[in-house]
Amino acid sequence: MADIEHEVEAIKGVLKALEPLEPDVRSHVLAYVINRLGIRLPSGQQASEQRASEAKALPPQNTSAPPSAPIHISELKESKKPKSASEMAALVAYYLSNLAPASERRETVNTKTLETYFKIADYPLPTKIQFTLPNAKGAGYLDSMGNGEYKLNAVGHNLVVHSMPRADGTRTTRKPKAPSKKRHPARRK
């Protein structure tokens, strides 16, 4: 658990340091750090294939945003602006199944995964995070796969790709149904 928290803090620190820089300066900084730390990257062909496959998986833009869509979870969160933990859960499931680096991709999410990616994206953790996935399922965004694992369904996919962000600030979650009025037969005396 402590390793994940250190990893999240490291990611936040790197992002905070690189965000104000121009893209080409970011590339130079990262190249230096990778070289300095002796990190081995995939060969040029594998790396370019990975970038090409990630680019194909980017969601279509339904706004007038620049053509370069976000690839990092925090950028995706900022561009999509989830209004609830259930929407954020759908966004995390979408990110992990479509946009995450190939080594991190997965088809299902669980509470631990959700907690990790909420932290990485700097999204507030719900008080009772164990209810977030069942609530997202109840909202219609996820399907339960058993053993605490949930998978994004078509409704969740469409929410993330086509309905977020909402320009008018409205929510896409369903309104609760009004309680039904049961008719009781008249009592006979």
C-alpha atoms as a PDB file:
ATOM      1  CA  MET A   1       0.000   0.000   0.000  1.00  0.00           C
ATOM      2  CA  ALA A   2       2.800   2.406   0.882  1.00  0.00           C
ATOM      3  CA  ASP A   3       4.452   1.691  -2.491  1.00  0.00           C
ATOM      4  CA  ILE A   4       1.327   2.816  -4.340  1.00  0.00           C
ATOM      5  CA  GLU A   5       1.178   6.023  -2.330  1.00  0.00           C
ATOM      6  CA  HIS A   6       4.851   6.745  -3.074  1.00  0.00           C
ATOM      7  CA  GLU A   7       4.219   6.041  -6.757  1.00  0.00           C
ATOM      8  CA  VAL A   8       1.218   8.377  -6.786  1.00  0.00           C
ATOM      9  CA  GLU A   9       3.218  11.140  -5.098  1.00  0.00           C
ATOM     10  CA  ALA A  10       6.075  10.658  -7.570  1.00  0.00           C
ATOM     11  CA  ILE A  11       3.675  10.903 -10.517  1.00  0.00           C
ATOM     12  CA  LYS A  12       2.104  14.054  -9.086  1.00  0.00           C
ATOM     13  CA  GLY A  13       5.559  15.577  -8.554  1.00  0.00           C
ATOM     14  CA  VAL A  14       6.689  14.810 -12.100  1.00  0.00           C
ATOM     15  CA  LEU A  15       3.459  16.182 -13.572  1.00  0.00           C
ATOM     16  CA  LYS A  16       3.660  19.335 -11.478  1.00  0.00           C
ATOM     17  CA  ALA A  17       7.259  19.920 -12.599  1.00  0.00           C
ATOM     18  CA  LEU A  18       6.575  19.260 -16.308  1.00  0.00           C
ATOM     19  CA  GLU A  19       3.164  20.913 -16.822  1.00  0.00           C
ATOM     20  CA  PRO A  20       4.421  24.515 -17.097  1.00  0.00           C
ATOM     21  CA  LEU A  21       7.038  23.540 -19.722  1.00  0.00           C
ATOM     22  CA  GLU A  22       6.572  23.550 -23.479  1.00  0.00           C
ATOM     23  CA  PRO A  23       6.108  20.072 -25.036  1.00  0.00           C
ATOM     24  CA  ASP A  24       9.557  19.986 -26.685  1.00  0.00           C
ATOM     25  CA  VAL A  25      11.214  21.060 -23.404  1.00  0.00           C
ATOM     26  CA  ARG A  26       9.281  18.314 -21.592  1.00  0.00           C
ATOM     27  CA  SER A  27      10.690  15.797 -24.066  1.00  0.00           C
ATOM     28  CA  HIS A  28      14.255  16.990 -23.452  1.00  0.00           C
ATOM     29  CA  VAL A  29      13.793  16.849 -19.668  1.00  0.00           C
ATOM     30  CA  LEU A  30      12.309  13.356 -19.796  1.00  0.00           C
ATOM     31  CA  ALA A  31      15.042  12.126 -22.158  1.00  0.00           C
ATOM     32  CA  TYR A  32      17.709  13.407 -19.773  1.00  0.00           C
ATOM     33  CA  VAL A  33      16.036  11.846 -16.719  1.00  0.00           C
ATOM     34  CA  ILE A  34      15.556   8.501 -18.490  1.00  0.00           C
ATOM     35  CA  ASN A  35      19.210   8.493 -19.535  1.00  0.00           C
ATOM     36  CA  ARG A  36      20.449   9.649 -16.115  1.00  0.00           C
ATOM     37  CA  LEU A  37      18.480   6.925 -14.293  1.00  0.00           C
ATOM     38  CA  GLY A  38      19.468   4.231 -16.775  1.00  0.00           C
ATOM     39  CA  ILE A  39      15.867   3.410 -17.688  1.00  0.00           C
ATOM     40  CA  ARG A  40      15.543   1.072 -20.661  1.00  0.00           C
ATOM     41  CA  LEU A  41      12.719   1.847 -23.073  1.00  0.00           C
ATOM     42  CA  PRO A  42      11.336  -0.438 -25.794  1.00  0.00           C
ATOM     43  CA  SER A  43      13.128  -0.286 -29.135  1.00  0.00           C
ATOM     44  CA  GLY A  44      12.215   2.598 -31.420  1.00  0.00           C
ATOM     45  CA  GLN A  45       9.863   0.506 -33.538  1.00  0.00           C
ATOM     46  CA  GLN A  46       8.040  -0.916 -30.482  1.00  0.00           C
ATOM     47  CA  ALA A  47       7.738   2.527 -28.913  1.00  0.00           C
ATOM     48  CA  SER A  48       6.347   4.085 -32.101  1.00  0.00           C
ATOM     49  CA  GLU A  49       3.885   1.187 -32.494  1.00  0.00           C
ATOM     50  CA  GLN A  50       2.759   1.685 -28.886  1.00  0.00           C
ATOM     51  CA  ARG A  51       2.254   5.419 -29.439  1.00  0.00           C
ATOM     52  CA  ALA A  52       0.316   4.720 -32.652  1.00  0.00           C
ATOM     53  CA  SER A  53      -1.972   2.220 -30.916  1.00  0.00           C
ATOM     54  CA  GLU A  54      -2.566   4.686 -28.051  1.00  0.00           C
ATOM     55  CA  ALA A  55      -3.402   7.435 -30.539  1.00  0.00           C
ATOM     56  CA  LYS A  56      -5.971   5.187 -32.262  1.00  0.00           C
ATOM     57  CA  ALA A  57      -7.646   4.549 -28.910  1.00  0.00           C
ATOM     58  CA  LEU A  58      -8.182   8.220 -28.107  1.00  0.00           C
ATOM     59  CA  PRO A  59     -11.836   9.192 -27.725  1.00  0.00           C
ATOM     60  CA  PRO A  60     -13.376  11.378 -30.399  1.00  0.00           C
ATOM     61  CA  GLN A  61     -13.561  14.965 -29.293  1.00  0.00           C
ATOM     62  CA  ASN A  62     -17.061  16.405 -28.990  1.00  0.00           C
ATOM     63  CA  THR A  63     -15.792  19.896 -28.206  1.00  0.00           C
ATOM     64  CA  SER A  64     -13.513  22.328 -29.961  1.00  0.00           C
ATOM     65  CA  ALA A  65     -10.510  21.065 -27.996  1.00  0.00           C
ATOM     66  CA  PRO A  66      -7.097  20.881 -29.619  1.00  0.00           C
ATOM     67  CA  PRO A  67      -6.486  17.693 -31.637  1.00  0.00           C
ATOM     68  CA  SER A  68      -4.130  16.191 -29.049  1.00  0.00           C
ATOM     69  CA  ALA A  69      -6.494  14.402 -26.652  1.00  0.00           C
ATOM     70  CA  PRO A  70      -5.373  13.619 -23.115  1.00  0.00           C
ATOM     71  CA  ILE A  71      -3.609  10.337 -22.472  1.00  0.00           C
ATOM     72  CA  HIS A  72      -2.898  10.667 -18.746  1.00  0.00           C
ATOM     73  CA  ILE A  73      -5.727  10.005 -16.276  1.00  0.00           C
ATOM     74  CA  SER A  74      -5.400  13.448 -14.666  1.00  0.00           C
ATOM     75  CA  GLU A  75      -5.653  15.171 -18.049  1.00  0.00           C
ATOM     76  CA  LEU A  76      -8.633  13.018 -18.981  1.00  0.00           C
ATOM     77  CA  LYS A  77     -10.336  13.892 -15.673  1.00  0.00           C
ATOM     78  CA  GLU A  78      -9.749  17.610 -16.271  1.00  0.00           C
ATOM     79  CA  SER A  79     -11.135  17.452 -19.805  1.00  0.00           C
ATOM     80  CA  LYS A  80     -14.176  15.291 -18.983  1.00  0.00           C
ATOM     81  CA  LYS A  81     -15.048  16.880 -15.593  1.00  0.00           C
ATOM     82  CA  PRO A  82     -16.854  13.999 -13.862  1.00  0.00           C
ATOM     83  CA  LYS A  83     -19.599  15.266 -11.543  1.00  0.00           C
ATOM     84  CA  SER A  84     -19.712  12.272  -9.179  1.00  0.00           C
ATOM     85  CA  ALA A  85     -17.633   9.367  -7.929  1.00  0.00           C
ATOM     86  CA  SER A  86     -19.747   7.050 -10.122  1.00  0.00           C
ATOM     87  CA  GLU A  87     -18.867   9.089 -13.202  1.00  0.00           C
ATOM     88  CA  MET A  88     -15.220   9.094 -12.157  1.00  0.00           C
ATOM     89  CA  ALA A  89     -15.369   5.293 -11.769  1.00  0.00           C
ATOM     90  CA  ALA A  90     -16.660   5.031 -15.347  1.00  0.00           C
ATOM     91  CA  LEU A  91     -13.886   7.372 -16.489  1.00  0.00           C
ATOM     92  CA  VAL A  92     -11.224   5.233 -14.740  1.00  0.00           C
ATOM     93  CA  ALA A  93     -12.649   2.053 -16.302  1.00  0.00           C
ATOM     94  CA  TYR A  94     -12.643   3.734 -19.729  1.00  0.00           C
ATOM     95  CA  TYR A  95      -9.097   5.008 -19.277  1.00  0.00           C
ATOM     96  CA  LEU A  96      -7.761   1.609 -18.200  1.00  0.00           C
ATOM     97  CA  SER A  97      -9.442  -0.264 -21.030  1.00  0.00           C
ATOM     98  CA  ASN A  98      -8.667   2.237 -23.812  1.00  0.00           C
ATOM     99  CA  LEU A  99      -6.070   4.913 -23.078  1.00  0.00           C
ATOM    100  CA  ALA A 100      -3.634   3.635 -20.465  1.00  0.00           C
ATOM    101  CA  PRO A 101      -0.176   2.519 -21.594  1.00  0.00           C
ATOM    102  CA  ALA A 102      -0.360  -1.041 -22.927  1.00  0.00           C
ATOM    103  CA  SER A 103       1.367  -2.462 -19.833  1.00  0.00           C
ATOM    104  CA  GLU A 104      -1.320  -0.954 -17.548  1.00  0.00           C
ATOM    105  CA  ARG A 105      -4.403  -1.791 -19.620  1.00  0.00           C
ATOM    106  CA  ARG A 106      -7.089  -3.948 -18.091  1.00  0.00           C
ATOM    107  CA  GLU A 107     -10.717  -4.709 -18.820  1.00  0.00           C
ATOM    108  CA  THR A 108     -11.966  -4.642 -15.223  1.00  0.00           C
ATOM    109  CA  VAL A 109     -11.590  -2.416 -12.187  1.00  0.00           C
ATOM    110  CA  ASN A 110     -11.926  -3.063  -8.465  1.00  0.00           C
ATOM    111  CA  THR A 111     -11.964  -0.868  -5.368  1.00  0.00           C
ATOM    112  CA  LYS A 112      -8.167  -0.910  -4.992  1.00  0.00           C
ATOM    113  CA  THR A 113      -7.674   0.122  -8.621  1.00  0.00           C
ATOM    114  CA  LEU A 114     -10.253   2.864  -8.227  1.00  0.00           C
ATOM    115  CA  GLU A 115      -8.545   4.220  -5.114  1.00  0.00           C
ATOM    116  CA  THR A 116      -5.172   4.280  -6.875  1.00  0.00           C
ATOM    117  CA  TYR A 117      -6.448   6.097  -9.966  1.00  0.00           C
ATOM    118  CA  PHE A 118      -8.601   8.536  -7.982  1.00  0.00           C
ATOM    119  CA  LYS A 119      -5.382   9.507  -6.161  1.00  0.00           C
ATOM    120  CA  ILE A 120      -3.305   9.739  -9.344  1.00  0.00           C
ATOM    121  CA  ALA A 121      -5.983  11.924 -10.966  1.00  0.00           C
ATOM    122  CA  ASP A 122      -6.264  14.021  -7.793  1.00  0.00           C
ATOM    123  CA  TYR A 123      -9.992  13.271  -7.545  1.00  0.00           C
ATOM    124  CA  PRO A 124     -11.453  13.370  -4.014  1.00  0.00           C
ATOM    125  CA  LEU A 125     -11.790   9.931  -2.460  1.00  0.00           C
ATOM    126  CA  PRO A 126     -15.345   9.067  -1.425  1.00  0.00           C
ATOM    127  CA  THR A 127     -15.829   8.530   2.304  1.00  0.00           C
ATOM    128  CA  LYS A 128     -16.951   4.955   1.648  1.00  0.00           C
ATOM    129  CA  ILE A 129     -15.104   4.036  -1.553  1.00  0.00           C
ATOM    130  CA  GLN A 130     -16.294   0.417  -1.294  1.00  0.00           C
ATOM    131  CA  PHE A 131     -19.744   1.610  -2.446  1.00  0.00           C
ATOM    132  CA  THR A 132     -18.506   3.523  -5.484  1.00  0.00           C
ATOM    133  CA  LEU A 133     -18.421   0.608  -7.925  1.00  0.00           C
ATOM    134  CA  PRO A 134     -21.832  -0.786  -6.893  1.00  0.00           C
ATOM    135  CA  ASN A 135     -23.230   2.761  -7.201  1.00  0.00           C
ATOM    136  CA  ALA A 136     -21.703   3.127 -10.689  1.00  0.00           C
ATOM    137  CA  LYS A 137     -23.281  -0.213 -11.588  1.00  0.00           C
ATOM    138  CA  GLY A 138     -26.600   1.044 -10.224  1.00  0.00           C
ATOM    139  CA  ALA A 139     -26.271   4.163 -12.371  1.00  0.00           C
ATOM    140  CA  GLY A 140     -25.888   1.848 -15.374  1.00  0.00           C
ATOM    141  CA  TYR A 141     -22.228   2.593 -16.214  1.00  0.00           C
ATOM    142  CA  LEU A 142     -20.586  -0.702 -15.196  1.00  0.00           C
ATOM    143  CA  ASP A 143     -21.384  -4.409 -15.165  1.00  0.00           C
ATOM    144  CA  SER A 144     -20.372  -6.674 -12.301  1.00  0.00           C
ATOM    145  CA  MET A 145     -17.984  -9.443 -13.341  1.00  0.00           C
ATOM    146  CA  GLY A 146     -17.898 -11.115  -9.906  1.00  0.00           C
ATOM    147  CA  ASN A 147     -15.236 -11.145  -7.190  1.00  0.00           C
ATOM    148  CA  GLY A 148     -15.425  -7.355  -6.803  1.00  0.00           C
ATOM    149  CA  GLU A 149     -14.456  -6.720 -10.438  1.00  0.00           C
ATOM    150  CA  TYR A 150     -16.485  -4.403 -12.679  1.00  0.00           C
ATOM    151  CA  LYS A 151     -16.338  -3.755 -16.417  1.00  0.00           C
ATOM    152  CA  LEU A 152     -17.341  -0.652 -18.360  1.00  0.00           C
ATOM    153  CA  ASN A 153     -20.457  -1.244 -20.442  1.00  0.00           C
ATOM    154  CA  ALA A 154     -21.871   0.608 -23.461  1.00  0.00           C
ATOM    155  CA  VAL A 155     -23.746   3.124 -21.289  1.00  0.00           C
ATOM    156  CA  GLY A 156     -20.554   3.976 -19.368  1.00  0.00           C
ATOM    157  CA  HIS A 157     -18.553   4.165 -22.585  1.00  0.00           C
ATOM    158  CA  ASN A 158     -21.076   6.547 -24.139  1.00  0.00           C
ATOM    159  CA  LEU A 159     -21.135   8.641 -20.975  1.00  0.00           C
ATOM    160  CA  VAL A 160     -17.363   9.176 -21.049  1.00  0.00           C
ATOM    161  CA  VAL A 161     -16.926   9.561 -24.800  1.00  0.00           C
ATOM    162  CA  HIS A 162     -20.083  11.429 -25.809  1.00  0.00           C
ATOM    163  CA  SER A 163     -21.693  13.021 -22.740  1.00  0.00           C
ATOM    164  CA  MET A 164     -18.766  14.392 -20.745  1.00  0.00           C
ATOM    165  CA  PRO A 165     -18.200  17.222 -20.121  1.00  0.00           C
ATOM    166  CA  ARG A 166     -21.652  18.702 -20.062  1.00  0.00           C
ATOM    167  CA  ALA A 167     -21.547  22.336 -21.095  1.00  0.00           C
ATOM    168  CA  ASP A 168     -24.721  23.235 -19.226  1.00  0.00           C
ATOM    169  CA  GLY A 169     -23.494  21.676 -15.973  1.00  0.00           C
ATOM    170  CA  THR A 170     -26.324  19.161 -15.817  1.00  0.00           C
ATOM    171  CA  ARG A 171     -25.825  15.671 -14.514  1.00  0.00           C
ATOM    172  CA  THR A 172     -26.442  12.587 -16.589  1.00  0.00           C
ATOM    173  CA  THR A 173     -27.368  10.384 -13.655  1.00  0.00           C
ATOM    174  CA  ARG A 174     -30.944   9.248 -13.473  1.00  0.00           C
ATOM    175  CA  LYS A 175     -33.402  10.952 -11.182  1.00  0.00           C
ATOM    176  CA  PRO A 176     -34.670   8.708  -8.430  1.00  0.00           C
ATOM    177  CA  LYS A 177     -38.121   7.326  -9.073  1.00  0.00           C
ATOM    178  CA  ALA A 178     -40.922   8.743  -7.022  1.00  0.00           C
ATOM    179  CA  PRO A 179     -42.346   6.216  -4.594  1.00  0.00           C
ATOM    180  CA  SER A 180     -45.309   4.429  -6.070  1.00  0.00           C
ATOM    181  CA  LYS A 181     -48.654   4.953  -4.421  1.00  0.00           C
ATOM    182  CA  LYS A 182     -50.135   1.593  -3.692  1.00  0.00           C
ATOM    183  CA  ARG A 183     -53.867   1.447  -3.748  1.00  0.00           C
ATOM    184  CA  HIS A 184     -55.386  -0.384  -0.887  1.00  0.00           C
ATOM    185  CA  PRO A 185     -58.805  -1.885  -1.368  1.00  0.00           C
ATOM    186  CA  ALA A 186     -61.467  -0.223   0.724  1.00  0.00           C
ATOM    187  CA  ARG A 187     -61.994  -1.959   4.016  1.00  0.00           C
ATOM    188  CA  ARG A 188     -65.359  -3.390   4.674  1.00  0.00           C
ATOM    189  CA  LYS A 189     -66.940  -2.998   8.053  1.00  0.00           C
END
